[in-house]
């Protein structure tokens, strides 16, 4: 005759085991009923737009939904970098740098898209006013979401939060590293003057604003 004996249930952290012992021909079989369960991560937070003026009841300026910006929003690190305390991103303080590395002789900030990718990747301490000890490979061209995170929808020319510590900001379009899915010869950009997003062919010359992540 076969017997099944329930030994017990132990709950330790996220583990739930029910151990059964089946006695058959002097063999013991252990069957776990439940194992590790993956834990759902918290949803990504969406920050406020910065718009505080209301133009109609129920609009963005009226409701001001989203994560509140920290105060201060930015920290000037006194080494050519600025930390955004909302996102944790570290931005080059000079948004109009023209020499990103030793042999960079273009004499201008604007670049073709592929040249912008290379320039930001080669940026290191000693260039663009940096004294942060960064090395080539630490910096990169921001993606479109990262550029959007800088925008204050309550301001324009530039559409950046008040009292930001950036220098050389132009009311112009800055490349993102994000290629357009339906037109892979083009990339998204952010117009810092108007605070709007647009697209341009990668052969266009748009501005370059490097970032490095701390997340």
N, C-alpha and C. Protein backbone atom coordinates (compact mmCIF):
# COMPACT_ATOMS: atom_id res chain seq x y z
N UNK A 1 0.84 -1.18 0.00
CA UNK A 1 0.00 0.00 0.00
C UNK A 1 0.89 1.25 0.00
N UNK A 2 0.51 2.29 -0.82
CA UNK A 2 1.27 3.53 -0.94
C UNK A 2 0.68 4.59 -0.02
N UNK A 3 1.57 5.24 0.75
CA UNK A 3 1.13 6.31 1.64
C UNK A 3 1.79 7.62 1.23
N UNK A 4 1.06 8.73 1.35
CA UNK A 4 1.61 10.07 1.14
C UNK A 4 1.46 10.84 2.44
N UNK A 5 2.58 11.30 2.93
CA UNK A 5 2.60 12.01 4.20
C UNK A 5 3.00 13.46 3.95
N UNK A 6 2.18 14.40 4.34
CA UNK A 6 2.50 15.82 4.23
C UNK A 6 3.36 16.21 5.42
N UNK A 7 4.63 16.56 5.12
CA UNK A 7 5.55 16.90 6.20
C UNK A 7 5.28 18.29 6.73
N UNK A 8 5.04 19.28 5.82
CA UNK A 8 4.78 20.63 6.31
C UNK A 8 4.96 21.66 5.22
N UNK A 9 4.69 22.89 5.56
CA UNK A 9 4.82 24.02 4.64
C UNK A 9 5.71 25.06 5.31
N UNK A 10 6.76 25.49 4.60
CA UNK A 10 7.68 26.49 5.12
C UNK A 10 7.64 27.71 4.23
N UNK A 11 7.52 28.86 4.84
CA UNK A 11 7.52 30.11 4.08
C UNK A 11 8.73 30.92 4.50
N UNK A 12 9.68 31.09 3.58
CA UNK A 12 10.90 31.84 3.87
C UNK A 12 11.08 32.85 2.73
N UNK A 13 10.89 34.12 3.05
CA UNK A 13 11.00 35.15 2.03
C UNK A 13 9.95 34.94 0.96
N UNK A 14 10.41 34.68 -0.28
CA UNK A 14 9.51 34.50 -1.40
C UNK A 14 9.34 33.01 -1.76
N UNK A 15 9.85 32.12 -0.90
CA UNK A 15 9.80 30.70 -1.20
C UNK A 15 8.64 30.04 -0.46
N UNK A 16 7.88 29.29 -1.20
CA UNK A 16 6.76 28.56 -0.62
C UNK A 16 6.89 27.11 -1.07
N UNK A 17 7.16 26.26 -0.13
CA UNK A 17 7.34 24.85 -0.49
C UNK A 17 6.36 23.98 0.29
N UNK A 18 5.75 23.04 -0.40
CA UNK A 18 5.01 21.98 0.24
C UNK A 18 5.74 20.69 -0.06
N UNK A 19 6.18 19.99 0.97
CA UNK A 19 7.03 18.81 0.78
C UNK A 19 6.21 17.55 1.02
N UNK A 20 6.16 16.75 0.02
CA UNK A 20 5.43 15.49 0.14
C UNK A 20 6.41 14.32 0.13
N UNK A 21 6.14 13.32 0.94
CA UNK A 21 7.00 12.14 0.97
C UNK A 21 6.17 10.92 0.58
N UNK A 22 6.56 10.39 -0.53
CA UNK A 22 5.85 9.19 -1.00
C UNK A 22 6.74 7.99 -0.73
N UNK A 23 6.17 7.03 -0.05
CA UNK A 23 6.95 5.85 0.29
C UNK A 23 6.59 4.73 -0.68
N UNK A 24 7.55 4.40 -1.52
CA UNK A 24 7.31 3.34 -2.49
C UNK A 24 8.63 2.66 -2.78
N UNK A 25 8.72 1.44 -2.44
CA UNK A 25 9.92 0.64 -2.66
C UNK A 25 11.15 1.32 -2.07
N UNK A 26 10.98 1.87 -0.88
CA UNK A 26 12.06 2.50 -0.14
C UNK A 26 12.65 3.73 -0.83
N UNK A 27 11.89 4.35 -1.73
CA UNK A 27 12.35 5.56 -2.41
C UNK A 27 11.54 6.75 -1.91
N UNK A 28 12.23 7.91 -1.78
CA UNK A 28 11.59 9.12 -1.32
C UNK A 28 11.55 10.12 -2.47
N UNK A 29 10.39 10.65 -2.76
CA UNK A 29 10.22 11.65 -3.80
C UNK A 29 9.80 12.96 -3.17
N UNK A 30 10.53 14.06 -3.45
CA UNK A 30 10.20 15.38 -2.92
C UNK A 30 9.71 16.25 -4.08
N UNK A 31 8.50 16.82 -3.95
CA UNK A 31 7.88 17.60 -5.01
C UNK A 31 7.64 19.03 -4.51
N UNK A 32 8.39 20.02 -5.04
CA UNK A 32 8.11 21.42 -4.69
C UNK A 32 6.90 21.91 -5.47
N UNK A 33 5.96 22.52 -4.77
CA UNK A 33 4.75 22.99 -5.44
C UNK A 33 4.92 24.40 -6.00
N UNK A 34 5.64 25.24 -5.28
CA UNK A 34 5.86 26.62 -5.73
C UNK A 34 7.32 26.99 -5.52
N UNK A 35 7.90 27.68 -6.50
CA UNK A 35 9.29 28.10 -6.39
C UNK A 35 9.39 29.61 -6.35
N UNK A 36 10.57 30.11 -6.80
CA UNK A 36 10.79 31.55 -6.82
C UNK A 36 9.78 32.23 -7.72
N UNK A 37 9.25 33.34 -7.28
CA UNK A 37 8.34 34.11 -8.09
C UNK A 37 8.97 35.46 -8.41
N UNK A 38 9.07 35.82 -9.71
CA UNK A 38 9.66 37.13 -10.04
C UNK A 38 8.82 38.26 -9.48
N UNK A 39 9.50 39.28 -8.98
CA UNK A 39 8.82 40.42 -8.40
C UNK A 39 8.64 41.52 -9.45
N UNK A 40 7.46 42.02 -9.59
CA UNK A 40 7.19 43.09 -10.55
C UNK A 40 7.89 44.37 -10.13
N UNK A 41 8.57 45.00 -11.08
CA UNK A 41 9.23 46.27 -10.77
C UNK A 41 8.22 47.40 -10.75
N UNK A 42 8.57 48.44 -10.03
CA UNK A 42 7.67 49.59 -9.96
C UNK A 42 7.59 50.26 -11.33
N UNK A 43 6.46 50.83 -11.68
CA UNK A 43 6.36 51.51 -12.98
C UNK A 43 7.28 52.72 -13.04
N UNK A 44 7.78 53.01 -14.23
CA UNK A 44 8.67 54.17 -14.40
C UNK A 44 7.90 55.45 -14.13
N UNK A 45 8.51 56.31 -13.36
CA UNK A 45 7.86 57.57 -13.01
C UNK A 45 7.94 58.55 -14.18
N UNK A 46 6.90 59.33 -14.37
CA UNK A 46 6.87 60.38 -15.39
C UNK A 46 6.88 61.73 -14.68
N UNK A 47 7.83 62.57 -15.05
CA UNK A 47 7.96 63.85 -14.36
C UNK A 47 6.96 64.87 -14.88
N UNK A 48 6.75 65.92 -14.10
CA UNK A 48 5.90 67.03 -14.54
C UNK A 48 6.53 67.73 -15.74
N UNK A 49 5.69 68.39 -16.51
CA UNK A 49 6.19 69.08 -17.70
C UNK A 49 6.83 70.41 -17.38
N UNK A 50 6.47 70.99 -16.24
CA UNK A 50 6.94 72.32 -15.89
C UNK A 50 5.92 73.41 -16.19
N UNK A 51 4.86 73.04 -16.91
CA UNK A 51 3.83 74.04 -17.23
C UNK A 51 2.96 74.29 -16.00
N UNK A 52 2.88 75.56 -15.60
CA UNK A 52 2.09 75.92 -14.42
C UNK A 52 0.95 76.87 -14.77
N UNK A 53 0.98 77.46 -15.94
CA UNK A 53 -0.10 78.34 -16.37
C UNK A 53 -1.21 77.51 -17.00
N UNK A 54 -2.43 77.71 -16.55
CA UNK A 54 -3.57 76.95 -17.07
C UNK A 54 -4.30 77.77 -18.13
N UNK A 55 -4.63 77.11 -19.24
CA UNK A 55 -5.36 77.77 -20.33
C UNK A 55 -6.80 77.26 -20.42
N UNK A 56 -7.08 76.19 -19.69
CA UNK A 56 -8.44 75.61 -19.68
C UNK A 56 -8.52 74.66 -18.49
N UNK A 57 -9.65 74.60 -17.82
CA UNK A 57 -9.83 73.69 -16.69
C UNK A 57 -9.55 72.26 -17.12
N UNK A 58 -8.71 71.59 -16.36
CA UNK A 58 -8.39 70.20 -16.65
C UNK A 58 -7.17 70.02 -17.54
N UNK A 59 -6.55 71.14 -17.95
CA UNK A 59 -5.37 70.99 -18.79
C UNK A 59 -4.13 70.77 -17.92
N UNK A 60 -2.98 70.66 -18.57
CA UNK A 60 -1.74 70.33 -17.87
C UNK A 60 -1.39 71.37 -16.81
N UNK A 61 -1.50 72.65 -17.17
CA UNK A 61 -1.17 73.69 -16.21
C UNK A 61 -2.08 73.71 -15.00
N UNK A 62 -3.30 73.23 -15.18
CA UNK A 62 -4.27 73.16 -14.09
C UNK A 62 -3.97 71.98 -13.17
N UNK A 63 -3.74 70.81 -13.76
CA UNK A 63 -3.57 69.58 -12.97
C UNK A 63 -2.13 69.36 -12.51
N UNK A 64 -1.16 69.71 -13.35
CA UNK A 64 0.26 69.56 -13.04
C UNK A 64 0.59 68.15 -12.54
N UNK A 65 0.18 67.17 -13.30
CA UNK A 65 0.42 65.78 -12.93
C UNK A 65 1.87 65.38 -13.19
N UNK A 66 2.32 64.40 -12.46
CA UNK A 66 3.67 63.88 -12.64
C UNK A 66 4.52 64.09 -11.41
N UNK A 67 5.72 63.55 -11.46
CA UNK A 67 6.66 63.65 -10.34
C UNK A 67 7.17 65.09 -10.23
N UNK A 68 7.09 65.64 -9.03
CA UNK A 68 7.57 67.01 -8.81
C UNK A 68 9.08 67.08 -8.99
N UNK A 69 9.55 68.19 -9.53
CA UNK A 69 10.98 68.38 -9.71
C UNK A 69 11.64 68.64 -8.36
N UNK A 70 12.84 68.13 -8.18
CA UNK A 70 13.56 68.41 -6.93
C UNK A 70 14.02 69.86 -6.89
N UNK A 71 14.32 70.33 -5.71
CA UNK A 71 14.85 71.68 -5.56
C UNK A 71 16.15 71.60 -4.75
N UNK A 72 17.28 71.95 -5.35
CA UNK A 72 17.40 72.50 -6.70
C UNK A 72 17.28 71.41 -7.76
N UNK A 73 16.84 71.82 -8.93
CA UNK A 73 16.71 70.86 -10.03
C UNK A 73 18.09 70.41 -10.53
N UNK A 74 19.04 71.35 -10.58
CA UNK A 74 20.37 71.05 -11.12
C UNK A 74 21.45 71.36 -10.10
N UNK A 75 22.56 70.62 -10.23
CA UNK A 75 23.75 70.90 -9.43
C UNK A 75 24.92 71.17 -10.36
N UNK A 76 25.50 72.36 -10.22
CA UNK A 76 26.72 72.70 -10.95
C UNK A 76 27.88 72.04 -10.23
N UNK A 77 28.53 71.09 -10.87
CA UNK A 77 29.59 70.31 -10.22
C UNK A 77 30.95 71.01 -10.24
N UNK A 78 31.01 72.21 -10.82
CA UNK A 78 32.23 73.02 -10.85
C UNK A 78 33.39 72.31 -11.53
N UNK A 79 33.08 71.42 -12.46
CA UNK A 79 34.11 70.71 -13.22
C UNK A 79 33.73 70.57 -14.69
N UNK A 80 32.82 71.45 -15.13
CA UNK A 80 32.37 71.39 -16.51
C UNK A 80 31.17 70.50 -16.73
N UNK A 81 30.63 69.95 -15.63
CA UNK A 81 29.45 69.09 -15.73
C UNK A 81 28.32 69.62 -14.85
N UNK A 82 27.12 69.22 -15.20
CA UNK A 82 25.92 69.57 -14.43
C UNK A 82 25.12 68.29 -14.20
N UNK A 83 24.74 68.06 -12.95
CA UNK A 83 23.90 66.91 -12.63
C UNK A 83 22.44 67.34 -12.57
N UNK A 84 21.59 66.62 -13.30
CA UNK A 84 20.15 66.83 -13.22
C UNK A 84 19.65 65.99 -12.06
N UNK A 85 19.21 66.62 -11.00
CA UNK A 85 18.80 65.89 -9.80
C UNK A 85 17.47 65.17 -9.96
N UNK A 86 16.78 65.43 -11.06
CA UNK A 86 15.55 64.70 -11.35
C UNK A 86 15.84 63.34 -11.96
N UNK A 87 16.74 63.31 -12.93
CA UNK A 87 17.01 62.07 -13.67
C UNK A 87 18.30 61.38 -13.26
N UNK A 88 19.20 62.13 -12.62
CA UNK A 88 20.51 61.58 -12.28
C UNK A 88 21.50 61.67 -13.44
N UNK A 89 21.07 62.18 -14.59
CA UNK A 89 21.96 62.32 -15.73
C UNK A 89 22.97 63.43 -15.49
N UNK A 90 24.17 63.25 -16.03
CA UNK A 90 25.21 64.25 -15.95
C UNK A 90 25.43 64.82 -17.35
N UNK A 91 25.22 66.11 -17.50
CA UNK A 91 25.31 66.77 -18.79
C UNK A 91 26.57 67.62 -18.87
N UNK A 92 27.10 67.75 -20.09
CA UNK A 92 28.16 68.71 -20.33
C UNK A 92 27.59 70.10 -20.08
N UNK A 93 28.29 70.91 -19.31
CA UNK A 93 27.77 72.24 -18.99
C UNK A 93 27.72 73.15 -20.22
N UNK A 94 28.73 73.01 -21.08
CA UNK A 94 28.81 73.83 -22.29
C UNK A 94 28.02 73.17 -23.41
N UNK A 95 26.86 73.74 -23.73
CA UNK A 95 26.00 73.17 -24.78
C UNK A 95 26.38 73.69 -26.16
N UNK A 96 27.54 74.34 -26.25
CA UNK A 96 28.00 74.86 -27.54
C UNK A 96 29.48 74.59 -27.74
N UNK A 97 29.97 73.49 -27.21
CA UNK A 97 31.38 73.12 -27.35
C UNK A 97 31.73 72.90 -28.83
N UNK A 98 32.94 73.30 -29.22
CA UNK A 98 33.35 73.13 -30.62
C UNK A 98 34.54 72.18 -30.78
N UNK A 99 35.24 71.86 -29.69
CA UNK A 99 36.38 70.95 -29.77
C UNK A 99 36.21 69.83 -28.76
N UNK A 100 35.83 68.65 -29.26
CA UNK A 100 35.51 67.52 -28.39
C UNK A 100 36.71 66.61 -28.12
N UNK A 101 37.73 66.67 -28.99
CA UNK A 101 38.91 65.81 -28.83
C UNK A 101 40.08 66.48 -29.56
N UNK A 102 41.28 65.92 -29.43
CA UNK A 102 42.50 66.61 -29.84
C UNK A 102 42.54 66.99 -31.32
N UNK A 103 42.09 66.13 -32.20
CA UNK A 103 42.16 66.41 -33.64
C UNK A 103 40.85 66.95 -34.20
N UNK A 104 39.98 67.41 -33.32
CA UNK A 104 38.68 67.94 -33.74
C UNK A 104 38.89 69.39 -34.21
N UNK A 105 38.87 69.58 -35.51
CA UNK A 105 39.17 70.91 -36.05
C UNK A 105 38.02 71.47 -36.89
N UNK A 106 36.80 71.06 -36.60
CA UNK A 106 35.66 71.56 -37.37
C UNK A 106 35.39 73.04 -37.07
N UNK A 107 35.70 73.45 -35.84
CA UNK A 107 35.49 74.84 -35.46
C UNK A 107 34.04 75.18 -35.18
N UNK A 108 33.18 74.17 -35.10
CA UNK A 108 31.77 74.42 -34.83
C UNK A 108 31.15 73.28 -34.05
N UNK A 109 30.05 73.58 -33.39
CA UNK A 109 29.36 72.56 -32.60
C UNK A 109 28.52 71.64 -33.48
N UNK A 110 27.89 72.17 -34.51
CA UNK A 110 26.98 71.39 -35.35
C UNK A 110 27.75 70.32 -36.14
N UNK A 111 27.15 69.13 -36.24
CA UNK A 111 27.79 67.99 -36.91
C UNK A 111 26.74 67.17 -37.65
N UNK A 112 27.22 66.35 -38.60
CA UNK A 112 26.38 65.27 -39.13
C UNK A 112 26.11 64.31 -37.98
N UNK A 113 25.05 63.52 -38.09
CA UNK A 113 24.64 62.62 -37.01
C UNK A 113 25.73 61.63 -36.63
N UNK A 114 26.33 60.97 -37.64
CA UNK A 114 27.36 59.97 -37.31
C UNK A 114 28.61 60.62 -36.74
N UNK A 115 28.91 61.84 -37.17
CA UNK A 115 30.05 62.57 -36.63
C UNK A 115 29.76 63.01 -35.19
N UNK A 116 28.50 63.35 -34.92
CA UNK A 116 28.11 63.72 -33.55
C UNK A 116 28.27 62.53 -32.60
N UNK A 117 27.90 61.34 -33.06
CA UNK A 117 28.08 60.13 -32.24
C UNK A 117 29.55 59.93 -31.89
N UNK A 118 30.41 60.07 -32.89
CA UNK A 118 31.84 59.87 -32.67
C UNK A 118 32.42 60.93 -31.75
N UNK A 119 32.04 62.20 -31.98
CA UNK A 119 32.58 63.30 -31.18
C UNK A 119 32.25 63.14 -29.70
N UNK A 120 31.01 62.78 -29.40
CA UNK A 120 30.62 62.63 -28.00
C UNK A 120 31.31 61.43 -27.35
N UNK A 121 31.52 60.38 -28.13
CA UNK A 121 32.19 59.19 -27.59
C UNK A 121 33.67 59.45 -27.30
N UNK A 122 34.28 60.37 -28.04
CA UNK A 122 35.69 60.68 -27.84
C UNK A 122 35.93 61.77 -26.81
N UNK A 123 34.87 62.44 -26.38
CA UNK A 123 35.00 63.51 -25.39
C UNK A 123 35.61 62.98 -24.09
N UNK A 124 36.51 63.75 -23.51
CA UNK A 124 37.15 63.37 -22.25
C UNK A 124 37.55 64.63 -21.49
N UNK A 125 37.92 64.45 -20.25
CA UNK A 125 38.38 65.55 -19.41
C UNK A 125 39.55 66.27 -20.10
N UNK A 126 39.51 67.60 -20.05
CA UNK A 126 40.51 68.39 -20.73
C UNK A 126 39.95 69.10 -21.94
N UNK A 127 38.76 68.69 -22.38
CA UNK A 127 38.09 69.31 -23.51
C UNK A 127 36.72 69.82 -23.09
N UNK A 128 36.22 70.80 -23.81
CA UNK A 128 34.88 71.36 -23.55
C UNK A 128 34.74 71.87 -22.11
N UNK A 129 35.86 72.30 -21.52
CA UNK A 129 35.81 72.84 -20.16
C UNK A 129 35.74 71.79 -19.08
N UNK A 130 35.99 70.54 -19.42
CA UNK A 130 35.88 69.45 -18.44
C UNK A 130 37.15 69.30 -17.60
N UNK A 131 36.95 69.10 -16.30
CA UNK A 131 38.03 68.74 -15.39
C UNK A 131 37.53 67.65 -14.44
N UNK A 132 36.65 66.80 -14.97
CA UNK A 132 35.96 65.79 -14.15
C UNK A 132 36.65 64.44 -14.13
N UNK A 133 37.75 64.31 -14.84
CA UNK A 133 38.46 63.03 -14.87
C UNK A 133 37.84 62.00 -15.79
N UNK A 134 36.86 62.40 -16.59
CA UNK A 134 36.20 61.45 -17.50
C UNK A 134 37.15 61.05 -18.63
N UNK A 135 36.88 59.87 -19.19
CA UNK A 135 37.70 59.33 -20.27
C UNK A 135 36.86 59.14 -21.52
N UNK A 136 37.54 58.98 -22.64
CA UNK A 136 36.83 58.68 -23.88
C UNK A 136 36.00 57.41 -23.69
N UNK A 137 34.76 57.48 -24.11
CA UNK A 137 33.84 56.35 -23.92
C UNK A 137 32.86 56.58 -22.79
N UNK A 138 33.14 57.56 -21.92
CA UNK A 138 32.22 57.86 -20.82
C UNK A 138 31.02 58.67 -21.30
N UNK A 139 31.25 59.50 -22.31
CA UNK A 139 30.21 60.39 -22.81
C UNK A 139 29.54 59.80 -24.04
N UNK A 140 28.34 60.28 -24.33
CA UNK A 140 27.59 59.77 -25.48
C UNK A 140 26.58 60.82 -25.92
N UNK A 141 25.99 60.59 -27.09
CA UNK A 141 24.91 61.43 -27.56
C UNK A 141 23.63 60.98 -26.86
N UNK A 142 22.86 61.90 -26.27
CA UNK A 142 21.66 61.50 -25.52
C UNK A 142 20.58 60.92 -26.43
N UNK A 143 19.77 60.02 -25.88
CA UNK A 143 18.62 59.57 -26.65
C UNK A 143 17.50 60.60 -26.54
N UNK A 144 16.45 60.44 -27.32
CA UNK A 144 15.43 61.48 -27.40
C UNK A 144 14.69 61.66 -26.07
N UNK A 145 14.51 60.60 -25.31
CA UNK A 145 13.84 60.72 -24.02
C UNK A 145 14.68 61.54 -23.05
N UNK A 146 15.99 61.36 -23.12
CA UNK A 146 16.88 62.11 -22.22
C UNK A 146 16.86 63.59 -22.56
N UNK A 147 16.85 63.92 -23.85
CA UNK A 147 16.73 65.33 -24.23
C UNK A 147 15.39 65.91 -23.80
N UNK A 148 14.33 65.14 -23.96
CA UNK A 148 13.00 65.60 -23.55
C UNK A 148 12.94 65.90 -22.06
N UNK A 149 13.71 65.15 -21.27
CA UNK A 149 13.66 65.33 -19.81
C UNK A 149 14.14 66.70 -19.37
N UNK A 150 14.89 67.39 -20.22
CA UNK A 150 15.38 68.72 -19.89
C UNK A 150 14.34 69.81 -20.11
N UNK A 151 13.34 69.52 -20.92
CA UNK A 151 12.43 70.56 -21.39
C UNK A 151 11.45 71.01 -20.31
N UNK A 152 11.30 72.33 -20.21
CA UNK A 152 10.30 72.96 -19.35
C UNK A 152 9.22 73.51 -20.27
N UNK A 153 8.06 72.88 -20.28
CA UNK A 153 6.98 73.27 -21.18
C UNK A 153 6.32 74.60 -20.81
N UNK A 154 6.74 75.18 -19.71
CA UNK A 154 6.23 76.48 -19.32
C UNK A 154 7.15 77.61 -19.77
N UNK A 155 8.22 77.27 -20.51
CA UNK A 155 9.18 78.28 -20.91
C UNK A 155 9.58 78.06 -22.37
N UNK A 156 10.20 79.07 -22.95
CA UNK A 156 10.73 78.96 -24.31
C UNK A 156 11.92 79.89 -24.48
N UNK A 157 12.67 79.63 -25.48
CA UNK A 157 13.83 80.46 -25.87
C UNK A 157 14.85 80.71 -24.75
N UNK A 158 15.40 79.73 -24.11
CA UNK A 158 15.22 78.30 -24.36
C UNK A 158 14.12 77.71 -23.47
N UNK A 159 13.65 76.54 -23.86
CA UNK A 159 12.62 75.83 -23.09
C UNK A 159 13.29 74.94 -22.04
N UNK A 160 14.03 75.58 -21.17
CA UNK A 160 14.73 74.90 -20.08
C UNK A 160 14.28 75.48 -18.75
N UNK A 161 14.37 74.71 -17.67
CA UNK A 161 13.98 75.23 -16.37
C UNK A 161 14.73 76.51 -16.02
N UNK A 162 14.06 77.40 -15.31
CA UNK A 162 14.69 78.65 -14.92
C UNK A 162 15.89 78.39 -14.01
N UNK A 163 16.84 79.29 -14.08
CA UNK A 163 18.06 79.21 -13.26
C UNK A 163 18.90 77.97 -13.54
N UNK A 164 18.76 77.42 -14.74
CA UNK A 164 19.64 76.29 -15.10
C UNK A 164 21.07 76.81 -15.22
N UNK A 165 22.08 75.96 -14.94
CA UNK A 165 23.47 76.43 -14.96
C UNK A 165 24.21 76.14 -16.26
N UNK A 166 23.49 75.77 -17.31
CA UNK A 166 24.15 75.46 -18.58
C UNK A 166 24.63 76.74 -19.26
N UNK A 167 25.66 76.60 -20.07
CA UNK A 167 26.19 77.73 -20.83
C UNK A 167 26.14 77.40 -22.32
N UNK A 168 26.06 78.44 -23.13
CA UNK A 168 26.12 78.26 -24.57
C UNK A 168 24.90 77.61 -25.18
N UNK A 169 23.80 77.56 -24.44
CA UNK A 169 22.58 76.91 -24.97
C UNK A 169 22.04 77.73 -26.15
N UNK A 170 21.77 77.05 -27.24
CA UNK A 170 21.25 77.70 -28.44
C UNK A 170 19.77 77.37 -28.61
N UNK A 171 19.02 78.35 -29.12
CA UNK A 171 17.60 78.12 -29.41
C UNK A 171 17.49 77.41 -30.76
N UNK A 172 18.02 76.22 -30.77
CA UNK A 172 18.17 75.48 -32.01
C UNK A 172 17.94 73.99 -31.74
N UNK A 173 18.19 73.18 -32.77
CA UNK A 173 17.90 71.74 -32.69
C UNK A 173 19.15 70.94 -32.35
N UNK A 174 19.01 70.03 -31.38
CA UNK A 174 20.10 69.18 -30.92
C UNK A 174 19.79 67.72 -31.27
N UNK A 175 20.80 67.06 -31.83
CA UNK A 175 20.65 65.66 -32.20
C UNK A 175 20.36 64.77 -30.98
N UNK A 176 19.55 63.75 -31.19
CA UNK A 176 19.47 62.61 -30.27
C UNK A 176 20.15 61.43 -30.95
N UNK A 177 20.41 60.39 -30.20
CA UNK A 177 21.01 59.18 -30.76
C UNK A 177 19.94 58.22 -31.28
N UNK A 178 18.68 58.64 -31.24
CA UNK A 178 17.55 57.74 -31.55
C UNK A 178 17.18 57.81 -33.02
N UNK A 179 17.35 56.69 -33.70
CA UNK A 179 16.98 56.59 -35.12
C UNK A 179 15.47 56.45 -35.25
N UNK A 180 14.91 57.01 -36.32
CA UNK A 180 13.47 56.90 -36.57
C UNK A 180 13.16 55.54 -37.18
N UNK A 181 12.26 54.82 -36.57
CA UNK A 181 11.98 53.44 -36.98
C UNK A 181 11.44 53.36 -38.41
N UNK A 182 10.61 54.31 -38.82
CA UNK A 182 10.01 54.23 -40.15
C UNK A 182 10.88 54.87 -41.23
N UNK A 183 11.97 55.50 -40.83
CA UNK A 183 12.88 56.13 -41.79
C UNK A 183 14.28 56.11 -41.19
N UNK A 184 14.99 55.01 -41.35
CA UNK A 184 16.23 54.78 -40.62
C UNK A 184 17.41 55.63 -41.10
N UNK A 185 17.19 56.43 -42.14
CA UNK A 185 18.21 57.39 -42.55
C UNK A 185 18.02 58.72 -41.83
N UNK A 186 17.06 58.76 -40.91
CA UNK A 186 16.77 59.98 -40.15
C UNK A 186 16.82 59.70 -38.65
N UNK A 187 16.95 60.75 -37.87
CA UNK A 187 17.00 60.63 -36.41
C UNK A 187 16.14 61.73 -35.79
N UNK A 188 15.72 61.50 -34.55
CA UNK A 188 14.95 62.49 -33.81
C UNK A 188 15.88 63.57 -33.26
N UNK A 189 15.35 64.77 -33.15
CA UNK A 189 16.08 65.85 -32.51
C UNK A 189 15.13 66.60 -31.58
N UNK A 190 15.70 67.42 -30.69
CA UNK A 190 14.92 68.27 -29.80
C UNK A 190 15.29 69.71 -30.07
N UNK A 191 14.29 70.53 -30.37
CA UNK A 191 14.52 71.96 -30.53
C UNK A 191 14.45 72.61 -29.15
N UNK A 192 15.56 73.06 -28.67
CA UNK A 192 15.64 73.59 -27.30
C UNK A 192 14.97 74.95 -27.20
N UNK A 193 14.88 75.68 -28.31
CA UNK A 193 14.21 76.98 -28.27
C UNK A 193 12.72 76.85 -28.03
N UNK A 194 12.07 76.00 -28.83
CA UNK A 194 10.62 75.84 -28.74
C UNK A 194 10.22 74.71 -27.80
N UNK A 195 11.15 73.80 -27.52
CA UNK A 195 10.82 72.66 -26.66
C UNK A 195 10.12 71.55 -27.39
N UNK A 196 10.24 71.53 -28.72
CA UNK A 196 9.55 70.53 -29.52
C UNK A 196 10.49 69.51 -30.13
N UNK A 197 9.93 68.36 -30.43
CA UNK A 197 10.66 67.24 -31.00
C UNK A 197 10.43 67.21 -32.51
N UNK A 198 11.46 66.88 -33.27
CA UNK A 198 11.32 66.78 -34.72
C UNK A 198 12.26 65.74 -35.27
N UNK A 199 12.33 65.65 -36.58
CA UNK A 199 13.19 64.65 -37.22
C UNK A 199 13.96 65.29 -38.35
N UNK A 200 15.11 64.72 -38.64
CA UNK A 200 15.95 65.23 -39.72
C UNK A 200 16.79 64.09 -40.28
N UNK A 201 17.15 64.20 -41.55
CA UNK A 201 18.05 63.23 -42.15
C UNK A 201 19.41 63.26 -41.47
N UNK A 202 20.05 62.12 -41.38
CA UNK A 202 21.32 62.03 -40.66
C UNK A 202 22.44 62.79 -41.36
N UNK A 203 22.19 63.22 -42.59
CA UNK A 203 23.16 64.04 -43.30
C UNK A 203 23.01 65.52 -43.01
N UNK A 204 22.04 65.87 -42.16
CA UNK A 204 21.86 67.26 -41.74
C UNK A 204 22.89 67.60 -40.66
N UNK A 205 23.16 68.87 -40.48
CA UNK A 205 24.08 69.31 -39.42
C UNK A 205 23.27 69.96 -38.31
N UNK A 206 23.19 69.27 -37.19
CA UNK A 206 22.48 69.77 -36.02
C UNK A 206 23.45 69.82 -34.84
N UNK A 207 23.01 70.42 -33.76
CA UNK A 207 23.89 70.66 -32.62
C UNK A 207 24.08 69.42 -31.76
N UNK A 208 25.13 69.47 -30.93
CA UNK A 208 25.57 68.31 -30.15
C UNK A 208 25.68 68.70 -28.68
N UNK A 209 25.04 67.90 -27.81
CA UNK A 209 25.07 68.16 -26.37
C UNK A 209 25.30 66.83 -25.65
N UNK A 210 26.52 66.51 -25.26
CA UNK A 210 26.83 65.21 -24.68
C UNK A 210 26.24 65.01 -23.27
N UNK A 211 26.06 63.74 -22.94
CA UNK A 211 25.55 63.34 -21.63
C UNK A 211 26.27 62.08 -21.20
N UNK A 212 26.30 61.85 -19.91
CA UNK A 212 26.69 60.53 -19.40
C UNK A 212 25.77 60.15 -18.26
N UNK A 213 25.52 58.88 -18.09
CA UNK A 213 24.51 58.43 -17.16
C UNK A 213 25.07 58.04 -15.82
N UNK A 214 24.27 58.24 -14.79
CA UNK A 214 24.64 57.77 -13.46
C UNK A 214 23.64 56.75 -12.98
N UNK A 215 22.71 56.32 -13.83
CA UNK A 215 21.71 55.33 -13.45
C UNK A 215 22.08 53.98 -14.00
